[in-house]
N, C-alpha and C. Protein backbone atom coordinates (compact mmCIF):
# COMPACT_ATOMS: atom_id res chain seq x y z
N MET A 1 -50.56 44.38 18.15
CA MET A 1 -49.23 44.28 18.75
C MET A 1 -48.94 42.83 18.84
N ALA A 2 -49.91 41.95 19.24
CA ALA A 2 -49.67 40.49 19.40
C ALA A 2 -49.23 40.01 18.02
N MET A 3 -49.93 40.58 16.94
CA MET A 3 -49.62 39.98 15.54
C MET A 3 -48.10 40.31 15.34
N ALA A 4 -47.55 41.44 15.81
CA ALA A 4 -46.35 41.81 15.35
C ALA A 4 -45.26 40.94 16.27
N LYS A 5 -45.65 40.76 17.44
CA LYS A 5 -44.79 39.97 18.44
C LYS A 5 -44.81 38.51 17.76
N LEU A 6 -45.81 37.99 17.32
CA LEU A 6 -45.86 36.74 16.87
C LEU A 6 -45.04 36.60 15.42
N PHE A 7 -45.14 37.60 14.71
CA PHE A 7 -44.34 37.68 13.57
C PHE A 7 -42.86 37.75 13.81
N ILE A 8 -42.45 38.58 14.78
CA ILE A 8 -41.12 38.67 15.31
C ILE A 8 -40.52 37.28 15.79
N THR A 9 -41.34 36.71 16.58
CA THR A 9 -41.11 35.21 17.21
C THR A 9 -40.90 34.27 16.14
N GLY A 10 -41.68 34.13 15.13
CA GLY A 10 -41.61 33.33 13.84
C GLY A 10 -40.47 33.69 13.10
N LEU A 11 -40.08 35.00 12.95
CA LEU A 11 -38.94 35.17 12.10
C LEU A 11 -37.74 34.76 12.80
N SER A 12 -37.60 34.99 14.11
CA SER A 12 -36.69 34.62 14.97
C SER A 12 -36.32 33.10 14.77
N THR A 13 -37.47 32.30 14.90
CA THR A 13 -37.30 30.84 14.79
C THR A 13 -36.71 30.63 13.33
N VAL A 14 -37.36 31.15 12.35
CA VAL A 14 -36.85 30.99 11.03
C VAL A 14 -35.37 31.21 10.88
N ILE A 15 -34.87 32.23 11.67
CA ILE A 15 -33.46 32.70 11.41
C ILE A 15 -32.59 31.65 12.07
N THR A 16 -33.09 31.19 13.18
CA THR A 16 -32.31 30.24 14.01
C THR A 16 -32.12 29.03 13.17
N CYS A 17 -33.37 28.43 12.75
CA CYS A 17 -33.37 27.10 12.04
C CYS A 17 -32.48 27.20 10.80
N SER A 18 -32.61 28.39 9.94
CA SER A 18 -31.86 28.46 8.80
C SER A 18 -30.41 28.73 9.16
N SER A 19 -30.02 29.34 10.13
CA SER A 19 -28.51 29.55 10.61
C SER A 19 -28.02 28.02 10.91
N ALA A 20 -28.75 27.20 11.60
CA ALA A 20 -28.28 25.89 11.85
C ALA A 20 -28.31 25.05 10.57
N VAL A 21 -29.13 25.17 9.66
CA VAL A 21 -29.00 24.44 8.29
C VAL A 21 -27.76 24.94 7.69
N VAL A 22 -27.54 26.34 7.69
CA VAL A 22 -26.44 26.90 6.94
C VAL A 22 -25.10 26.38 7.58
N PHE A 23 -25.13 26.37 8.86
CA PHE A 23 -23.89 25.98 9.67
C PHE A 23 -23.61 24.49 9.33
N LYS A 24 -24.68 23.50 9.47
CA LYS A 24 -24.49 22.16 9.22
C LYS A 24 -23.96 22.07 7.65
N GLY A 25 -24.68 22.60 6.71
CA GLY A 25 -24.11 22.82 5.29
C GLY A 25 -22.67 23.13 5.32
N ALA A 26 -22.18 24.08 5.80
CA ALA A 26 -20.74 24.49 5.87
C ALA A 26 -19.94 23.39 6.40
N ALA A 27 -20.38 22.98 7.54
CA ALA A 27 -19.59 22.01 8.16
C ALA A 27 -19.43 20.77 7.33
N MET A 28 -20.53 20.24 6.62
CA MET A 28 -20.49 19.17 5.50
C MET A 28 -19.41 19.69 4.45
N ALA A 29 -19.62 20.91 4.03
CA ALA A 29 -18.76 21.39 2.98
C ALA A 29 -17.16 21.04 3.23
N VAL A 30 -16.98 21.77 4.64
CA VAL A 30 -15.72 21.53 5.03
C VAL A 30 -15.14 20.05 5.14
N VAL A 31 -15.93 19.17 5.66
CA VAL A 31 -15.48 17.71 5.72
C VAL A 31 -15.36 17.17 4.18
N LEU A 32 -16.24 17.55 3.22
CA LEU A 32 -16.08 17.03 1.91
C LEU A 32 -14.68 17.68 1.40
N LEU A 33 -14.41 18.93 1.69
CA LEU A 33 -13.21 19.39 1.17
C LEU A 33 -12.02 18.75 1.69
N LEU A 34 -11.98 18.46 3.00
CA LEU A 34 -10.98 17.69 3.62
C LEU A 34 -10.84 16.46 3.14
N MET A 35 -11.83 15.74 2.88
CA MET A 35 -11.77 14.29 2.16
C MET A 35 -11.16 14.38 0.89
N LEU A 36 -11.47 15.60 -0.08
CA LEU A 36 -10.93 15.72 -1.22
C LEU A 36 -9.44 15.91 -1.34
N VAL A 37 -9.15 16.73 -0.22
CA VAL A 37 -7.73 17.02 0.03
C VAL A 37 -6.94 15.76 0.32
N GLN A 38 -7.44 14.80 1.14
CA GLN A 38 -6.88 13.70 1.52
C GLN A 38 -6.96 12.53 0.45
N LEU A 39 -7.79 12.61 -0.40
CA LEU A 39 -7.85 11.56 -1.48
C LEU A 39 -6.67 11.38 -2.28
N PRO A 40 -5.84 12.51 -2.80
CA PRO A 40 -4.68 11.97 -3.54
C PRO A 40 -3.63 11.40 -2.72
N GLY A 41 -3.58 11.88 -1.34
CA GLY A 41 -2.51 11.23 -0.44
C GLY A 41 -3.13 9.61 -0.35
N TYR A 42 -4.21 9.38 -0.28
CA TYR A 42 -4.69 7.99 -0.02
C TYR A 42 -4.44 7.23 -1.25
N LEU A 43 -4.73 7.73 -2.62
CA LEU A 43 -4.39 7.07 -3.48
C LEU A 43 -2.87 6.86 -3.94
N SER A 44 -2.07 7.88 -3.58
CA SER A 44 -0.62 7.66 -3.59
C SER A 44 -0.13 6.63 -2.78
N CYS A 45 -0.64 6.53 -1.55
CA CYS A 45 -0.40 5.34 -0.61
C CYS A 45 -0.69 4.09 -1.16
N LEU A 46 -1.91 3.91 -1.81
CA LEU A 46 -2.34 2.71 -2.36
C LEU A 46 -1.24 2.40 -3.46
N LEU A 47 -0.98 3.22 -4.27
CA LEU A 47 0.11 3.03 -5.45
C LEU A 47 1.34 2.55 -4.83
N LEU A 48 1.90 3.22 -3.92
CA LEU A 48 3.15 2.87 -3.25
C LEU A 48 3.07 1.39 -2.70
N CYS A 49 1.83 1.21 -1.96
CA CYS A 49 1.85 -0.10 -1.45
C CYS A 49 1.83 -1.28 -2.66
N ALA A 50 1.38 -0.92 -3.71
CA ALA A 50 1.17 -1.83 -4.85
C ALA A 50 2.66 -2.13 -5.48
N ILE A 51 3.53 -1.01 -5.46
CA ILE A 51 4.71 -1.05 -6.17
C ILE A 51 5.62 -1.82 -5.07
N ARG A 52 5.41 -1.56 -3.76
CA ARG A 52 6.15 -2.35 -2.64
C ARG A 52 6.14 -3.72 -2.89
N ALA A 53 4.69 -4.27 -2.84
CA ALA A 53 4.56 -5.63 -3.14
C ALA A 53 5.01 -6.21 -4.43
N ALA A 54 5.00 -5.64 -5.44
CA ALA A 54 5.44 -6.07 -6.74
C ALA A 54 7.07 -6.15 -6.54
N VAL A 55 7.75 -5.13 -5.89
CA VAL A 55 9.22 -5.29 -5.78
C VAL A 55 9.45 -6.41 -4.78
N GLU A 56 8.71 -6.55 -3.78
CA GLU A 56 9.08 -7.68 -2.78
C GLU A 56 8.77 -9.05 -3.53
N ARG A 57 7.93 -9.35 -4.45
CA ARG A 57 7.75 -10.34 -5.20
C ARG A 57 8.80 -10.81 -6.17
N ALA A 58 9.19 -9.54 -6.82
CA ALA A 58 10.30 -9.78 -7.65
C ALA A 58 11.58 -10.18 -7.03
N MET A 59 11.83 -9.57 -5.87
CA MET A 59 13.10 -9.81 -5.00
C MET A 59 13.06 -11.35 -4.53
N ALA A 60 11.82 -11.78 -4.06
CA ALA A 60 11.66 -13.06 -3.74
C ALA A 60 11.98 -14.18 -4.76
N ALA A 61 11.46 -13.74 -5.99
CA ALA A 61 11.71 -14.58 -7.31
C ALA A 61 13.28 -14.75 -7.55
N THR A 62 13.78 -13.49 -7.54
CA THR A 62 15.24 -13.32 -7.85
C THR A 62 16.07 -14.24 -6.86
N PHE A 63 15.84 -14.10 -5.62
CA PHE A 63 16.54 -14.90 -4.62
C PHE A 63 16.16 -16.32 -4.60
N ALA A 64 15.05 -16.73 -5.08
CA ALA A 64 14.67 -18.23 -5.32
C ALA A 64 15.65 -18.65 -6.56
N ALA A 65 15.61 -17.98 -7.65
CA ALA A 65 16.41 -18.33 -8.84
C ALA A 65 18.03 -18.38 -8.40
N ALA A 66 18.45 -17.37 -7.54
CA ALA A 66 19.92 -17.48 -7.17
C ALA A 66 20.13 -18.74 -6.51
N ARG A 67 19.18 -19.01 -5.44
CA ARG A 67 19.21 -20.20 -4.64
C ARG A 67 19.32 -21.43 -5.34
N ASP A 68 18.29 -21.57 -6.33
CA ASP A 68 18.40 -22.58 -7.28
C ASP A 68 19.73 -23.08 -8.18
N ALA A 69 20.09 -21.71 -8.64
CA ALA A 69 21.41 -21.67 -9.36
C ALA A 69 22.65 -22.18 -8.39
N VAL A 70 22.67 -21.63 -7.21
CA VAL A 70 23.77 -22.16 -6.32
C VAL A 70 23.69 -23.43 -6.00
N SER A 71 22.49 -24.03 -5.79
CA SER A 71 22.18 -25.52 -5.47
C SER A 71 22.56 -26.20 -6.66
N ALA A 72 22.34 -25.92 -7.98
CA ALA A 72 22.82 -26.70 -9.03
C ALA A 72 24.18 -26.59 -9.15
N VAL A 73 24.96 -25.60 -9.03
CA VAL A 73 26.30 -25.58 -9.05
C VAL A 73 26.98 -26.49 -8.03
N THR A 74 26.38 -26.34 -6.79
CA THR A 74 26.95 -27.19 -5.69
C THR A 74 26.72 -28.65 -5.98
N ASP A 75 25.59 -28.91 -6.46
CA ASP A 75 25.25 -30.43 -6.91
C ASP A 75 26.40 -30.81 -7.97
N ALA A 76 26.69 -30.01 -9.04
CA ALA A 76 27.52 -30.30 -10.05
C ALA A 76 28.99 -30.56 -9.43
N ALA A 77 29.35 -29.72 -8.60
CA ALA A 77 30.76 -29.97 -8.04
C ALA A 77 30.78 -31.12 -7.18
N VAL A 78 29.61 -31.43 -6.46
CA VAL A 78 29.74 -32.66 -5.65
C VAL A 78 29.72 -33.82 -6.63
N GLY A 79 29.12 -33.77 -7.71
CA GLY A 79 29.12 -34.94 -8.75
C GLY A 79 30.54 -34.93 -9.21
N TRP A 80 31.21 -33.92 -9.63
CA TRP A 80 32.63 -33.92 -10.14
C TRP A 80 33.47 -34.62 -9.12
N ARG A 81 33.31 -34.05 -7.86
CA ARG A 81 34.21 -34.68 -6.91
C ARG A 81 34.04 -36.15 -6.67
N ASP A 82 32.89 -36.78 -6.61
CA ASP A 82 32.62 -38.06 -6.51
C ASP A 82 33.07 -38.87 -7.68
N ALA A 83 32.99 -38.17 -8.76
CA ALA A 83 33.50 -38.89 -10.05
C ALA A 83 34.90 -38.94 -9.94
N ALA A 84 35.54 -37.91 -9.45
CA ALA A 84 37.08 -37.83 -9.40
C ALA A 84 37.61 -38.79 -8.48
N SER A 85 36.82 -38.84 -7.38
CA SER A 85 37.38 -39.93 -6.15
C SER A 85 37.15 -41.36 -6.62
N SER A 86 36.16 -41.64 -7.58
CA SER A 86 35.92 -43.10 -7.98
C SER A 86 36.81 -43.49 -9.00
N ASN A 87 37.54 -42.54 -9.67
CA ASN A 87 38.49 -42.74 -10.88
C ASN A 87 39.75 -42.46 -10.48
N SER A 88 40.82 -43.20 -10.20
CA SER A 88 42.11 -42.83 -9.70
C SER A 88 42.73 -42.02 -10.64
N THR A 89 42.77 -42.20 -11.94
CA THR A 89 43.54 -41.17 -12.71
C THR A 89 42.98 -39.97 -12.83
N ALA A 90 41.58 -39.76 -12.59
CA ALA A 90 41.10 -38.46 -12.55
C ALA A 90 41.53 -37.90 -11.20
N ALA A 91 41.38 -38.60 -10.19
CA ALA A 91 41.97 -38.16 -8.90
C ALA A 91 43.30 -37.55 -8.93
N VAL A 92 44.16 -38.20 -9.58
CA VAL A 92 45.61 -37.68 -9.80
C VAL A 92 45.60 -36.42 -10.51
N ALA A 93 44.75 -36.49 -11.52
CA ALA A 93 44.73 -35.19 -12.32
C ALA A 93 44.23 -34.02 -11.63
N PHE A 94 43.33 -34.24 -10.78
CA PHE A 94 42.70 -32.91 -9.93
C PHE A 94 43.50 -32.77 -8.81
N VAL A 95 44.44 -33.61 -8.25
CA VAL A 95 45.31 -33.28 -7.14
C VAL A 95 46.32 -32.51 -7.69
């Protein structure tokens, strides 16, 4: 009888330990599944961030080029005005 009781106790312990291992394995599987589900969203977020950075750099370069062009036109206009004011015939022609 003691042997049967010892066997049942050992069997109960094995079942308890194995159910804990199975539960831990199932929990890890769920966590891994959630990480796999989250991965495409994370990758698409990285892609969108890279696209946004490229667009910001392109816009900054475009605005810098436009600023340089406006500055060059303004400098040319100031040069024409100065040249016209120094030459009286040109000043009459511009007025």
